[in-house]
Each structure stands twice: as structure tokens, then as C-alpha cells.
Amino acid sequence: MLKAVLFDMDGVIVDTEPLHRKAYHHMFDDVNITVNEDLYASFTGQSTINICKRLVDHFNLNEAPEDLVSLKRKHYKHVFDNDHLDLIEGVLDRIQDYYNNNVTLVVASSASMQGINQIFERFDLNKYFTAKFSGADLKKSKPHPEIFLKAAASTGFNISECLVIEDSTNGIKAAHSAGIYCVGFKSPHSSHQDYSLANKIITDFKEVAYEKVVNLV
């Protein structure tokens, strides 16, 4: 029986991908590199520091990964403050649905804790969630299962009573490796992602209403 839902954030709760894309490409311009679409798509679901480490290695850059992180975050702050941003359609109804049925909600995102808090404060989500985990604070980033294992442990329930909602290849791999039932949310914003390891694939949050998933796990 479903007792806890572990949400990814970017691409599941909110569509920050256009903002991150803009910030990353400004940073790429700053250090004079060209990142093709396949390489960029492979970053989805990973923490900023791990992405920047990959960039330094891939392009043999002189800059430290931490310097790239600072550049990217500077650009992201500007676009976050100035660009339009919405919750993913239907996700707030689902969050409230789970909350009203006493399901424990945890966010497990590769975003920085500052980035998570920005979103949660902007859209008044803190009241629904019992805990927040940032991959940036952990030793291993998705697709490593560490973040979901910690998030599941924080609920006090068994892994078999938890469900993950993810939109990225790396996140789905992480949930699969953690042994947690995974719903792959295939949104229009999630391109070039592999959903083959997801237990269930959806395109609309109505498909995972509480009454439909309570006995799924």
C-alpha cells in the first residue's frame, strides 16, 4: 500500500528546464565551448557540480568545476528572477491529492538546496512536504540511488511502500537501482530521455491519482 511519494523537481513539479538551458548556454559561451544536444541531454537529472566536472574533463578546460558552477548559478539567478515560470500542469492537484490522503511527500532533486527552496517558496509548497533532499549535498549524483535511498529512509516506511516520480533517464535509473517503484513522467519538456526502466509511464498526472496508485506498490 502506498505510504510515501518521492518527487523529482525539475521537469516533474516545475518546468525549470528552459531556465537551466539558458543559464548553461550563457556559461558555455563564457568559457568558449560548444555543447551538442546529445551531450546536453545526458546531463538531465545530474547535479550542477557533476555536470561541470564532466565539462572540465570533456573539454580539457583550465577552469575549476566550482568556477563553472558559480558562473551557471549567476546566470540562473538572473533568468529565475526575470523569466516566466509555472508548475507542471496537474502536479499541484496531485500533490494536494496525496497530501489529503495522508501520503508522506519528499522531494529528491539534483538541484541545489537553494534552487529547491526558491521553487518551494515561490509556489508555497513547503506545507505539503516533510523533507527535501538535494543531490548537490550527496557524495553520488543520479543515476546513483543514494538520494532515493535517503529520501525513502526519511519517511520511516519500507521501500516497498514508496513510489518515485521521475522524468529523466538518470533519475529513473536511480529509482530502479534503489528498488523503488518508479513512475516515468513523459512530459513535452523531457526530450531524449529513456523511460524503459520505469515501472509505469504517464503523460498526465491524472493517471497517478491516489485512488489509482494506492495499491500499485
N, C-alpha and C. Protein backbone atom coordinates (compact mmCIF):
# COMPACT_ATOMS: atom_id res chain seq x y z
N MET A 1 0.84 -1.21 0.00
CA MET A 1 0.00 0.00 0.00
C MET A 1 0.88 1.26 0.00
N LEU A 2 0.50 2.22 -0.79
CA LEU A 2 1.30 3.43 -0.94
C LEU A 2 1.29 4.27 0.33
N LYS A 3 2.49 4.57 0.84
CA LYS A 3 2.62 5.40 2.04
C LYS A 3 3.42 6.69 1.78
N ALA A 4 4.29 6.68 0.75
CA ALA A 4 5.14 7.85 0.50
C ALA A 4 5.42 8.00 -0.99
N VAL A 5 5.47 9.26 -1.44
CA VAL A 5 5.83 9.56 -2.82
C VAL A 5 7.06 10.47 -2.81
N LEU A 6 8.06 10.06 -3.58
CA LEU A 6 9.32 10.81 -3.68
C LEU A 6 9.33 11.50 -5.04
N PHE A 7 9.25 12.81 -5.03
CA PHE A 7 9.17 13.60 -6.26
C PHE A 7 10.55 14.10 -6.68
N ASP A 8 10.88 13.92 -7.95
CA ASP A 8 11.91 14.74 -8.55
C ASP A 8 11.30 16.14 -8.67
N MET A 9 12.11 17.16 -8.90
CA MET A 9 11.55 18.52 -9.00
C MET A 9 11.56 19.06 -10.43
N ASP A 10 12.75 19.22 -11.02
CA ASP A 10 12.84 19.81 -12.35
C ASP A 10 12.25 18.86 -13.39
N GLY A 11 11.22 19.33 -14.08
CA GLY A 11 10.58 18.51 -15.09
C GLY A 11 9.41 17.71 -14.57
N VAL A 12 9.25 17.66 -13.24
CA VAL A 12 8.13 16.94 -12.63
C VAL A 12 7.21 17.90 -11.89
N ILE A 13 7.78 18.71 -11.00
CA ILE A 13 6.98 19.69 -10.26
C ILE A 13 6.94 21.02 -11.02
N VAL A 14 8.06 21.39 -11.56
CA VAL A 14 8.15 22.69 -12.24
C VAL A 14 9.03 22.54 -13.47
N ASP A 15 8.71 23.31 -14.50
CA ASP A 15 9.48 23.23 -15.73
C ASP A 15 10.57 24.30 -15.73
N THR A 16 11.65 23.99 -15.03
CA THR A 16 12.78 24.93 -14.99
C THR A 16 13.78 24.66 -16.12
N GLU A 17 13.52 23.60 -16.92
CA GLU A 17 14.49 23.24 -17.96
C GLU A 17 14.84 24.40 -18.89
N PRO A 18 13.87 25.18 -19.40
CA PRO A 18 14.24 26.31 -20.27
C PRO A 18 15.15 27.32 -19.56
N LEU A 19 14.94 27.51 -18.25
CA LEU A 19 15.76 28.44 -17.48
C LEU A 19 17.17 27.89 -17.31
N HIS A 20 17.26 26.59 -16.97
CA HIS A 20 18.57 25.97 -16.82
C HIS A 20 19.31 25.96 -18.16
N ARG A 21 18.60 25.65 -19.23
CA ARG A 21 19.22 25.62 -20.55
C ARG A 21 19.82 26.97 -20.90
N LYS A 22 19.05 28.02 -20.64
CA LYS A 22 19.53 29.37 -20.94
C LYS A 22 20.76 29.70 -20.09
N ALA A 23 20.71 29.36 -18.79
CA ALA A 23 21.83 29.65 -17.89
C ALA A 23 23.07 28.85 -18.29
N TYR A 24 22.89 27.56 -18.62
CA TYR A 24 24.02 26.74 -19.03
C TYR A 24 24.66 27.27 -20.31
N HIS A 25 23.84 27.65 -21.27
CA HIS A 25 24.39 28.12 -22.54
C HIS A 25 25.11 29.46 -22.40
N HIS A 26 24.64 30.29 -21.49
CA HIS A 26 25.40 31.52 -21.18
C HIS A 26 26.76 31.15 -20.60
N MET A 27 26.77 30.14 -19.72
CA MET A 27 28.03 29.69 -19.12
C MET A 27 28.95 29.06 -20.18
N PHE A 28 28.36 28.27 -21.09
CA PHE A 28 29.17 27.69 -22.17
C PHE A 28 29.84 28.79 -22.99
N ASP A 29 29.08 29.86 -23.26
CA ASP A 29 29.64 30.99 -24.00
C ASP A 29 30.78 31.65 -23.22
N ASP A 30 30.60 31.74 -21.90
CA ASP A 30 31.62 32.37 -21.06
C ASP A 30 32.97 31.67 -21.18
N VAL A 31 32.94 30.33 -21.34
CA VAL A 31 34.19 29.57 -21.37
C VAL A 31 34.51 29.05 -22.78
N ASN A 32 33.73 29.56 -23.76
CA ASN A 32 34.01 29.27 -25.19
C ASN A 32 33.98 27.78 -25.53
N ILE A 33 32.89 27.12 -25.13
CA ILE A 33 32.71 25.72 -25.52
C ILE A 33 31.37 25.56 -26.24
N THR A 34 31.28 24.55 -27.10
CA THR A 34 30.03 24.24 -27.80
C THR A 34 29.59 22.85 -27.37
N VAL A 35 28.44 22.79 -26.73
CA VAL A 35 27.90 21.53 -26.21
C VAL A 35 26.77 21.08 -27.13
N ASN A 36 26.93 19.92 -27.77
CA ASN A 36 25.87 19.46 -28.69
C ASN A 36 24.68 18.92 -27.91
N GLU A 37 23.60 18.67 -28.63
CA GLU A 37 22.33 18.30 -27.98
C GLU A 37 22.41 16.97 -27.25
N ASP A 38 23.13 16.01 -27.82
CA ASP A 38 23.24 14.70 -27.18
C ASP A 38 23.99 14.79 -25.85
N LEU A 39 25.07 15.55 -25.83
CA LEU A 39 25.83 15.72 -24.59
C LEU A 39 24.99 16.46 -23.57
N TYR A 40 24.30 17.51 -24.01
CA TYR A 40 23.46 18.28 -23.08
C TYR A 40 22.35 17.40 -22.49
N ALA A 41 21.71 16.59 -23.34
CA ALA A 41 20.63 15.72 -22.87
C ALA A 41 21.12 14.74 -21.81
N SER A 42 22.38 14.33 -21.91
CA SER A 42 22.93 13.37 -20.95
C SER A 42 23.12 13.97 -19.56
N PHE A 43 23.03 15.30 -19.46
CA PHE A 43 23.19 15.97 -18.17
C PHE A 43 21.91 15.90 -17.33
N THR A 44 20.77 15.65 -17.97
CA THR A 44 19.49 15.74 -17.28
C THR A 44 19.44 14.84 -16.06
N GLY A 45 19.08 15.44 -14.92
CA GLY A 45 18.97 14.67 -13.68
C GLY A 45 20.23 14.64 -12.86
N GLN A 46 21.35 15.21 -13.38
CA GLN A 46 22.59 15.22 -12.62
C GLN A 46 22.77 16.57 -11.92
N SER A 47 23.57 16.56 -10.86
CA SER A 47 23.82 17.80 -10.12
C SER A 47 24.74 18.72 -10.92
N THR A 48 24.65 20.00 -10.64
CA THR A 48 25.44 21.00 -11.38
C THR A 48 26.93 20.74 -11.25
N ILE A 49 27.39 20.40 -10.05
CA ILE A 49 28.83 20.18 -9.86
C ILE A 49 29.30 18.99 -10.69
N ASN A 50 28.52 17.92 -10.76
CA ASN A 50 28.93 16.76 -11.56
C ASN A 50 28.92 17.07 -13.05
N ILE A 51 27.95 17.86 -13.48
CA ILE A 51 27.92 18.30 -14.88
C ILE A 51 29.16 19.12 -15.20
N CYS A 52 29.51 20.01 -14.29
CA CYS A 52 30.67 20.88 -14.52
C CYS A 52 31.99 20.09 -14.49
N LYS A 53 32.04 19.06 -13.66
CA LYS A 53 33.22 18.18 -13.66
C LYS A 53 33.35 17.47 -15.01
N ARG A 54 32.21 17.02 -15.54
CA ARG A 54 32.22 16.37 -16.84
C ARG A 54 32.67 17.33 -17.94
N LEU A 55 32.22 18.57 -17.87
CA LEU A 55 32.59 19.57 -18.86
C LEU A 55 34.09 19.85 -18.84
N VAL A 56 34.63 19.99 -17.63
CA VAL A 56 36.07 20.25 -17.49
C VAL A 56 36.88 19.10 -18.10
N ASP A 57 36.45 17.86 -17.83
CA ASP A 57 37.15 16.69 -18.37
C ASP A 57 36.97 16.59 -19.89
N HIS A 58 35.74 16.76 -20.33
CA HIS A 58 35.41 16.57 -21.74
C HIS A 58 36.12 17.59 -22.64
N PHE A 59 36.15 18.84 -22.18
CA PHE A 59 36.72 19.92 -22.99
C PHE A 59 38.14 20.31 -22.56
N ASN A 60 38.66 19.59 -21.55
CA ASN A 60 40.01 19.87 -21.05
C ASN A 60 40.17 21.35 -20.66
N LEU A 61 39.22 21.83 -19.87
CA LEU A 61 39.19 23.25 -19.51
C LEU A 61 40.19 23.56 -18.40
N ASN A 62 40.65 24.79 -18.40
CA ASN A 62 41.55 25.25 -17.34
C ASN A 62 40.78 25.66 -16.08
N GLU A 63 39.51 26.03 -16.28
CA GLU A 63 38.69 26.46 -15.15
C GLU A 63 38.38 25.28 -14.22
N ALA A 64 38.23 25.58 -12.95
CA ALA A 64 37.82 24.55 -11.98
C ALA A 64 36.31 24.33 -12.11
N PRO A 65 35.83 23.10 -11.85
CA PRO A 65 34.38 22.85 -11.90
C PRO A 65 33.59 23.82 -11.03
N GLU A 66 34.14 24.18 -9.87
CA GLU A 66 33.44 25.10 -8.96
C GLU A 66 33.26 26.47 -9.59
N ASP A 67 34.22 26.88 -10.44
CA ASP A 67 34.10 28.18 -11.12
C ASP A 67 32.96 28.14 -12.15
N LEU A 68 32.83 27.00 -12.82
CA LEU A 68 31.73 26.85 -13.78
C LEU A 68 30.38 26.87 -13.06
N VAL A 69 30.33 26.21 -11.91
CA VAL A 69 29.10 26.20 -11.10
C VAL A 69 28.71 27.63 -10.74
N SER A 70 29.68 28.43 -10.31
CA SER A 70 29.40 29.82 -9.93
C SER A 70 28.87 30.63 -11.11
N LEU A 71 29.47 30.43 -12.28
CA LEU A 71 29.01 31.14 -13.48
C LEU A 71 27.57 30.73 -13.82
N LYS A 72 27.32 29.42 -13.80
CA LYS A 72 25.99 28.94 -14.15
C LYS A 72 24.94 29.47 -13.17
N ARG A 73 25.26 29.46 -11.88
CA ARG A 73 24.29 29.92 -10.87
C ARG A 73 24.04 31.42 -10.97
N LYS A 74 25.06 32.16 -11.36
CA LYS A 74 24.88 33.61 -11.56
C LYS A 74 23.87 33.85 -12.68
N HIS A 75 24.04 33.13 -13.78
CA HIS A 75 23.12 33.28 -14.91
C HIS A 75 21.72 32.77 -14.55
N TYR A 76 21.66 31.66 -13.79
CA TYR A 76 20.36 31.09 -13.43
C TYR A 76 19.58 32.06 -12.55
N LYS A 77 20.25 32.69 -11.61
CA LYS A 77 19.57 33.65 -10.73
C LYS A 77 18.92 34.75 -11.56
N HIS A 78 19.64 35.22 -12.57
CA HIS A 78 19.10 36.29 -13.41
C HIS A 78 17.85 35.82 -14.16
N VAL A 79 17.92 34.63 -14.79
CA VAL A 79 16.76 34.18 -15.56
C VAL A 79 15.62 33.78 -14.64
N PHE A 80 15.93 33.22 -13.45
CA PHE A 80 14.88 32.85 -12.49
C PHE A 80 14.10 34.08 -12.05
N ASP A 81 14.81 35.18 -11.83
CA ASP A 81 14.18 36.41 -11.37
C ASP A 81 13.40 37.13 -12.47
N ASN A 82 13.74 36.84 -13.72
CA ASN A 82 13.17 37.64 -14.81
C ASN A 82 12.29 36.87 -15.80
N ASP A 83 12.42 35.55 -15.86
CA ASP A 83 11.63 34.76 -16.82
C ASP A 83 10.36 34.21 -16.17
N HIS A 84 9.38 33.90 -17.02
CA HIS A 84 8.12 33.32 -16.54
C HIS A 84 8.34 31.85 -16.15
N LEU A 85 7.63 31.41 -15.12
CA LEU A 85 7.78 30.04 -14.64
C LEU A 85 6.46 29.54 -14.08
N ASP A 86 6.09 28.32 -14.46
CA ASP A 86 4.84 27.71 -13.99
C ASP A 86 5.10 26.32 -13.42
N LEU A 87 4.21 25.89 -12.53
CA LEU A 87 4.20 24.49 -12.12
C LEU A 87 3.76 23.64 -13.32
N ILE A 88 4.23 22.39 -13.37
CA ILE A 88 3.79 21.46 -14.41
C ILE A 88 2.28 21.26 -14.27
N GLU A 89 1.58 21.25 -15.40
CA GLU A 89 0.13 21.13 -15.38
C GLU A 89 -0.32 19.87 -14.63
N GLY A 90 -1.20 20.06 -13.66
CA GLY A 90 -1.78 18.94 -12.92
C GLY A 90 -1.01 18.49 -11.70
N VAL A 91 0.23 18.97 -11.53
CA VAL A 91 1.04 18.44 -10.43
C VAL A 91 0.55 18.94 -9.06
N LEU A 92 0.08 20.18 -8.99
CA LEU A 92 -0.38 20.68 -7.69
C LEU A 92 -1.62 19.91 -7.23
N ASP A 93 -2.52 19.60 -8.15
CA ASP A 93 -3.70 18.78 -7.80
C ASP A 93 -3.25 17.43 -7.24
N ARG A 94 -2.20 16.84 -7.85
CA ARG A 94 -1.73 15.52 -7.41
C ARG A 94 -1.07 15.63 -6.05
N ILE A 95 -0.26 16.65 -5.84
CA ILE A 95 0.39 16.87 -4.55
C ILE A 95 -0.67 17.00 -3.45
N GLN A 96 -1.69 17.80 -3.71
CA GLN A 96 -2.76 18.01 -2.73
C GLN A 96 -3.57 16.73 -2.51
N ASP A 97 -3.78 15.97 -3.58
CA ASP A 97 -4.48 14.69 -3.52
C ASP A 97 -3.75 13.73 -2.59
N TYR A 98 -2.45 13.58 -2.79
CA TYR A 98 -1.65 12.69 -1.93
C TYR A 98 -1.64 13.20 -0.49
N TYR A 99 -1.42 14.48 -0.34
CA TYR A 99 -1.35 15.09 0.99
C TYR A 99 -2.66 14.87 1.77
N ASN A 100 -3.77 15.07 1.08
CA ASN A 100 -5.08 14.92 1.73
C ASN A 100 -5.41 13.47 2.06
N ASN A 101 -4.66 12.54 1.44
CA ASN A 101 -4.84 11.12 1.75
C ASN A 101 -3.72 10.59 2.65
N ASN A 102 -3.05 11.52 3.33
CA ASN A 102 -2.02 11.21 4.33
C ASN A 102 -0.81 10.47 3.77
N VAL A 103 -0.50 10.72 2.50
CA VAL A 103 0.72 10.17 1.92
C VAL A 103 1.87 11.12 2.26
N THR A 104 2.98 10.57 2.73
CA THR A 104 4.16 11.38 3.04
C THR A 104 4.85 11.78 1.74
N LEU A 105 5.16 13.06 1.59
CA LEU A 105 5.77 13.58 0.37
C LEU A 105 7.18 14.09 0.65
N VAL A 106 8.11 13.68 -0.20
CA VAL A 106 9.51 14.11 -0.09
C VAL A 106 9.98 14.52 -1.49
N VAL A 107 10.75 15.59 -1.57
CA VAL A 107 11.37 15.94 -2.85
C VAL A 107 12.81 15.45 -2.83
N ALA A 108 13.22 14.84 -3.95
CA ALA A 108 14.58 14.31 -4.08
C ALA A 108 15.11 14.77 -5.44
N SER A 109 15.80 15.89 -5.42
CA SER A 109 16.18 16.58 -6.66
C SER A 109 17.69 16.75 -6.77
N SER A 110 18.18 16.76 -8.00
CA SER A 110 19.60 17.03 -8.23
C SER A 110 19.90 18.52 -8.13
N ALA A 111 18.86 19.35 -8.07
CA ALA A 111 19.06 20.79 -7.91
C ALA A 111 19.71 21.09 -6.57
N SER A 112 20.34 22.25 -6.47
CA SER A 112 20.90 22.68 -5.20
C SER A 112 19.77 22.93 -4.21
N MET A 113 20.07 22.89 -2.91
CA MET A 113 19.04 23.16 -1.92
C MET A 113 18.52 24.59 -2.06
N GLN A 114 19.39 25.50 -2.43
CA GLN A 114 18.95 26.87 -2.68
C GLN A 114 17.94 26.90 -3.82
N GLY A 115 18.21 26.15 -4.88
CA GLY A 115 17.29 26.08 -6.01
C GLY A 115 15.96 25.46 -5.63
N ILE A 116 16.01 24.39 -4.82
CA ILE A 116 14.78 23.75 -4.35
C ILE A 116 13.97 24.73 -3.51
N ASN A 117 14.64 25.41 -2.59
CA ASN A 117 13.93 26.36 -1.72
C ASN A 117 13.33 27.51 -2.50
N GLN A 118 14.03 27.98 -3.55
CA GLN A 118 13.49 29.05 -4.38
C GLN A 118 12.14 28.64 -4.97
N ILE A 119 12.09 27.43 -5.50
CA ILE A 119 10.86 26.93 -6.12
C ILE A 119 9.77 26.72 -5.07
N PHE A 120 10.13 26.11 -3.95
CA PHE A 120 9.13 25.80 -2.92
C PHE A 120 8.56 27.07 -2.29
N GLU A 121 9.37 28.09 -2.15
CA GLU A 121 8.86 29.35 -1.61
C GLU A 121 8.03 30.10 -2.64
N ARG A 122 8.46 30.07 -3.89
CA ARG A 122 7.73 30.78 -4.95
C ARG A 122 6.32 30.23 -5.12
N PHE A 123 6.18 28.90 -4.98
CA PHE A 123 4.88 28.25 -5.22
C PHE A 123 4.22 27.72 -3.94
N ASP A 124 4.75 28.09 -2.76
CA ASP A 124 4.16 27.75 -1.47
C ASP A 124 3.94 26.23 -1.32
N LEU A 125 5.00 25.47 -1.53
CA LEU A 125 4.91 24.01 -1.49
C LEU A 125 5.40 23.39 -0.18
N ASN A 126 6.08 24.17 0.65
CA ASN A 126 6.69 23.60 1.86
C ASN A 126 5.69 22.89 2.77
N LYS A 127 4.45 23.38 2.80
CA LYS A 127 3.45 22.82 3.72
C LYS A 127 3.05 21.39 3.38
N TYR A 128 3.33 20.95 2.15
CA TYR A 128 2.94 19.62 1.72
C TYR A 128 4.03 18.56 1.93
N PHE A 129 5.28 18.99 2.05
CA PHE A 129 6.41 18.06 2.05
C PHE A 129 7.06 17.95 3.43
N THR A 130 7.45 16.74 3.78
CA THR A 130 8.07 16.52 5.09
C THR A 130 9.59 16.67 5.03
N ALA A 131 10.17 16.52 3.84
CA ALA A 131 11.64 16.60 3.73
C ALA A 131 12.03 16.96 2.31
N LYS A 132 13.24 17.52 2.19
CA LYS A 132 13.80 17.88 0.89
C LYS A 132 15.25 17.39 0.84
N PHE A 133 15.60 16.73 -0.26
CA PHE A 133 16.97 16.23 -0.44
C PHE A 133 17.54 16.79 -1.74
N SER A 134 18.75 17.30 -1.65
CA SER A 134 19.46 17.82 -2.82
C SER A 134 20.63 16.92 -3.16
N GLY A 135 20.70 16.52 -4.43
CA GLY A 135 21.82 15.71 -4.88
C GLY A 135 23.15 16.42 -4.74
N ALA A 136 23.09 17.75 -4.72
CA ALA A 136 24.31 18.55 -4.59
C ALA A 136 24.97 18.35 -3.23
N ASP A 137 24.18 17.86 -2.25
CA ASP A 137 24.70 17.67 -0.89
C ASP A 137 25.19 16.24 -0.66
N LEU A 138 25.06 15.38 -1.67
CA LEU A 138 25.40 13.97 -1.51
C LEU A 138 26.68 13.61 -2.24
N LYS A 139 27.26 12.49 -1.87
CA LYS A 139 28.52 12.06 -2.50
C LYS A 139 28.31 11.63 -3.94
N LYS A 140 27.18 11.00 -4.19
CA LYS A 140 26.90 10.47 -5.53
C LYS A 140 25.63 11.11 -6.09
N SER A 141 25.68 11.44 -7.37
CA SER A 141 24.55 12.05 -8.07
C SER A 141 23.75 10.97 -8.80
N LYS A 142 22.48 11.25 -9.13
CA LYS A 142 21.74 10.36 -10.01
C LYS A 142 22.59 10.16 -11.28
N PRO A 143 22.73 8.93 -11.79
CA PRO A 143 21.88 7.75 -11.59
C PRO A 143 22.21 6.88 -10.38
N HIS A 144 23.13 7.30 -9.52
CA HIS A 144 23.37 6.54 -8.29
C HIS A 144 22.11 6.64 -7.41
N PRO A 145 21.72 5.56 -6.73
CA PRO A 145 20.45 5.55 -5.98
C PRO A 145 20.48 6.26 -4.63
N GLU A 146 21.64 6.80 -4.21
CA GLU A 146 21.78 7.34 -2.86
C GLU A 146 20.65 8.29 -2.47
N ILE A 147 20.29 9.22 -3.35
CA ILE A 147 19.30 10.24 -2.98
C ILE A 147 17.93 9.61 -2.68
N PHE A 148 17.55 8.60 -3.46
CA PHE A 148 16.25 7.97 -3.24
C PHE A 148 16.26 7.05 -2.02
N LEU A 149 17.39 6.41 -1.76
CA LEU A 149 17.51 5.59 -0.56
C LEU A 149 17.39 6.45 0.69
N LYS A 150 18.04 7.62 0.68
CA LYS A 150 17.96 8.54 1.83
C LYS A 150 16.56 9.13 1.96
N ALA A 151 15.97 9.49 0.83
CA ALA A 151 14.62 10.07 0.86
C ALA A 151 13.61 9.06 1.38
N ALA A 152 13.73 7.82 0.92
CA ALA A 152 12.82 6.77 1.39
C ALA A 152 13.01 6.51 2.89
N ALA A 153 14.27 6.46 3.32
CA ALA A 153 14.55 6.22 4.74
C ALA A 153 13.96 7.32 5.62
N SER A 154 13.95 8.55 5.11
CA SER A 154 13.43 9.69 5.90
C SER A 154 11.94 9.57 6.18
N THR A 155 11.23 8.80 5.34
CA THR A 155 9.77 8.67 5.53
C THR A 155 9.42 7.72 6.66
N GLY A 156 10.36 6.81 6.99
CA GLY A 156 10.09 5.81 8.01
C GLY A 156 9.34 4.60 7.48
N PHE A 157 9.05 4.60 6.18
CA PHE A 157 8.33 3.47 5.57
C PHE A 157 9.30 2.58 4.80
N ASN A 158 8.86 1.38 4.48
CA ASN A 158 9.66 0.47 3.67
C ASN A 158 9.73 0.96 2.24
N ILE A 159 10.80 0.59 1.55
CA ILE A 159 10.94 0.95 0.14
C ILE A 159 9.75 0.44 -0.66
N SER A 160 9.22 -0.70 -0.26
CA SER A 160 8.08 -1.30 -0.98
C SER A 160 6.80 -0.48 -0.83
N GLU A 161 6.81 0.49 0.08
CA GLU A 161 5.63 1.35 0.29
C GLU A 161 5.82 2.74 -0.33
N CYS A 162 6.94 2.89 -1.05
CA CYS A 162 7.27 4.19 -1.66
C CYS A 162 7.13 4.14 -3.18
N LEU A 163 6.95 5.30 -3.75
CA LEU A 163 6.85 5.45 -5.20
C LEU A 163 7.63 6.69 -5.59
N VAL A 164 8.39 6.61 -6.68
CA VAL A 164 9.15 7.74 -7.21
C VAL A 164 8.47 8.25 -8.47
N ILE A 165 8.44 9.57 -8.63
CA ILE A 165 8.01 10.16 -9.90
C ILE A 165 9.19 10.91 -10.49
N GLU A 166 9.62 10.48 -11.67
CA GLU A 166 10.82 11.00 -12.33
C GLU A 166 10.56 11.28 -13.81
N ASP A 167 11.37 12.15 -14.40
CA ASP A 167 11.22 12.42 -15.83
C ASP A 167 12.50 12.19 -16.62
N SER A 168 13.61 11.86 -15.94
CA SER A 168 14.89 11.76 -16.64
C SER A 168 15.45 10.34 -16.62
N THR A 169 16.27 10.04 -17.63
CA THR A 169 16.96 8.75 -17.68
C THR A 169 17.73 8.48 -16.40
N ASN A 170 18.50 9.48 -15.97
CA ASN A 170 19.34 9.30 -14.77
C ASN A 170 18.50 9.09 -13.52
N GLY A 171 17.40 9.82 -13.40
CA GLY A 171 16.53 9.67 -12.24
C GLY A 171 15.82 8.33 -12.21
N ILE A 172 15.36 7.88 -13.38
CA ILE A 172 14.69 6.58 -13.47
C ILE A 172 15.67 5.46 -13.15
N LYS A 173 16.90 5.56 -13.64
CA LYS A 173 17.93 4.58 -13.31
C LYS A 173 18.19 4.55 -11.81
N ALA A 174 18.22 5.73 -11.19
CA ALA A 174 18.47 5.82 -9.74
C ALA A 174 17.36 5.14 -8.95
N ALA A 175 16.11 5.40 -9.33
CA ALA A 175 14.98 4.77 -8.64
C ALA A 175 15.00 3.25 -8.83
N HIS A 176 15.30 2.83 -10.05
CA HIS A 176 15.38 1.39 -10.36
C HIS A 176 16.47 0.72 -9.52
N SER A 177 17.63 1.36 -9.44
CA SER A 177 18.74 0.81 -8.66
C SER A 177 18.42 0.78 -7.17
N ALA A 178 17.58 1.71 -6.72
CA ALA A 178 17.18 1.74 -5.31
C ALA A 178 16.10 0.70 -5.00
N GLY A 179 15.53 0.11 -6.05
CA GLY A 179 14.49 -0.90 -5.87
C GLY A 179 13.14 -0.30 -5.52
N ILE A 180 12.91 0.96 -5.96
CA ILE A 180 11.65 1.65 -5.66
C ILE A 180 10.81 1.75 -6.93
N TYR A 181 9.53 1.48 -6.79
CA TYR A 181 8.60 1.58 -7.92
C TYR A 181 8.70 2.97 -8.53
N CYS A 182 8.88 3.03 -9.84
CA CYS A 182 9.12 4.33 -10.48
C CYS A 182 8.08 4.63 -11.56
N VAL A 183 7.48 5.79 -11.43
CA VAL A 183 6.60 6.33 -12.48
C VAL A 183 7.43 7.29 -13.32
N GLY A 184 7.51 7.01 -14.61
CA GLY A 184 8.22 7.90 -15.52
C GLY A 184 7.24 8.90 -16.12
N PHE A 185 7.45 10.17 -15.81
CA PHE A 185 6.58 11.23 -16.34
C PHE A 185 7.16 11.73 -17.66
N LYS A 186 6.49 11.39 -18.74
CA LYS A 186 6.97 11.75 -20.07
C LYS A 186 6.31 13.06 -20.48
N SER A 187 6.98 14.14 -20.16
CA SER A 187 6.40 15.45 -20.45
C SER A 187 6.94 15.99 -21.76
N PRO A 188 6.27 17.00 -22.32
CA PRO A 188 6.76 17.62 -23.56
C PRO A 188 8.12 18.27 -23.36
N HIS A 189 8.49 18.52 -22.09
CA HIS A 189 9.73 19.21 -21.78
C HIS A 189 10.91 18.25 -21.61
N SER A 190 10.63 16.94 -21.56
CA SER A 190 11.68 15.96 -21.29
C SER A 190 12.07 15.24 -22.57
N SER A 191 12.98 15.80 -23.31
CA SER A 191 13.37 15.20 -24.57
C SER A 191 14.61 14.32 -24.41
N HIS A 192 14.77 13.36 -25.33
CA HIS A 192 15.94 12.49 -25.38
C HIS A 192 16.14 11.68 -24.09
N GLN A 193 15.03 11.32 -23.42
CA GLN A 193 15.15 10.54 -22.18
C GLN A 193 14.66 9.11 -22.40
N ASP A 194 15.23 8.17 -21.65
CA ASP A 194 14.92 6.74 -21.77
C ASP A 194 14.04 6.32 -20.59
N TYR A 195 12.82 5.87 -20.90
CA TYR A 195 11.86 5.50 -19.85
C TYR A 195 11.74 3.98 -19.69
N SER A 196 12.64 3.23 -20.32
CA SER A 196 12.49 1.78 -20.38
C SER A 196 12.54 1.11 -19.01
N LEU A 197 13.23 1.72 -18.04
CA LEU A 197 13.32 1.11 -16.70
C LEU A 197 12.20 1.54 -15.76
N ALA A 198 11.34 2.44 -16.21
CA ALA A 198 10.21 2.88 -15.37
C ALA A 198 9.18 1.74 -15.27
N ASN A 199 8.56 1.61 -14.10
CA ASN A 199 7.51 0.59 -13.92
C ASN A 199 6.22 1.00 -14.60
N LYS A 200 6.00 2.31 -14.69
CA LYS A 200 4.79 2.85 -15.31
C LYS A 200 5.16 4.16 -15.98
N ILE A 201 4.67 4.40 -17.17
CA ILE A 201 4.94 5.65 -17.89
C ILE A 201 3.64 6.43 -18.05
N ILE A 202 3.69 7.71 -17.70
CA ILE A 202 2.50 8.55 -17.80
C ILE A 202 2.82 9.82 -18.58
N THR A 203 1.77 10.45 -19.11
CA THR A 203 1.92 11.75 -19.77
C THR A 203 1.04 12.80 -19.10
N ASP A 204 0.24 12.37 -18.11
CA ASP A 204 -0.69 13.27 -17.43
C ASP A 204 -0.78 12.82 -15.97
N PHE A 205 -0.73 13.78 -15.05
CA PHE A 205 -0.75 13.43 -13.62
C PHE A 205 -2.08 12.83 -13.17
N LYS A 206 -3.13 12.96 -13.96
CA LYS A 206 -4.39 12.32 -13.62
C LYS A 206 -4.23 10.80 -13.60
N GLU A 207 -3.24 10.30 -14.33
CA GLU A 207 -3.02 8.85 -14.42
C GLU A 207 -2.48 8.26 -13.12
N VAL A 208 -2.00 9.13 -12.22
CA VAL A 208 -1.48 8.63 -10.94
C VAL A 208 -2.23 9.26 -9.75
N ALA A 209 -3.53 9.46 -9.94
CA ALA A 209 -4.37 9.89 -8.81
C ALA A 209 -4.24 8.86 -7.69
N TYR A 210 -4.41 9.32 -6.45
CA TYR A 210 -4.22 8.45 -5.28
C TYR A 210 -5.01 7.15 -5.41
N GLU A 211 -6.27 7.26 -5.82
CA GLU A 211 -7.12 6.06 -5.90
C GLU A 211 -6.61 5.04 -6.93
N LYS A 212 -5.81 5.52 -7.90
CA LYS A 212 -5.29 4.63 -8.95
C LYS A 212 -3.96 3.99 -8.56
N VAL A 213 -3.24 4.61 -7.62
CA VAL A 213 -1.90 4.08 -7.30
C VAL A 213 -1.77 3.55 -5.87
N VAL A 214 -2.79 3.73 -5.04
CA VAL A 214 -2.69 3.36 -3.63
C VAL A 214 -2.30 1.89 -3.46
N ASN A 215 -2.76 1.03 -4.35
CA ASN A 215 -2.43 -0.40 -4.24
C ASN A 215 -1.44 -0.86 -5.32
N LEU A 216 -0.78 0.11 -5.94
CA LEU A 216 0.16 -0.21 -7.03
C LEU A 216 1.46 -0.78 -6.49
N VAL A 217 1.86 -0.32 -5.32
CA VAL A 217 3.15 -0.76 -4.75
C VAL A 217 2.93 -1.82 -3.68
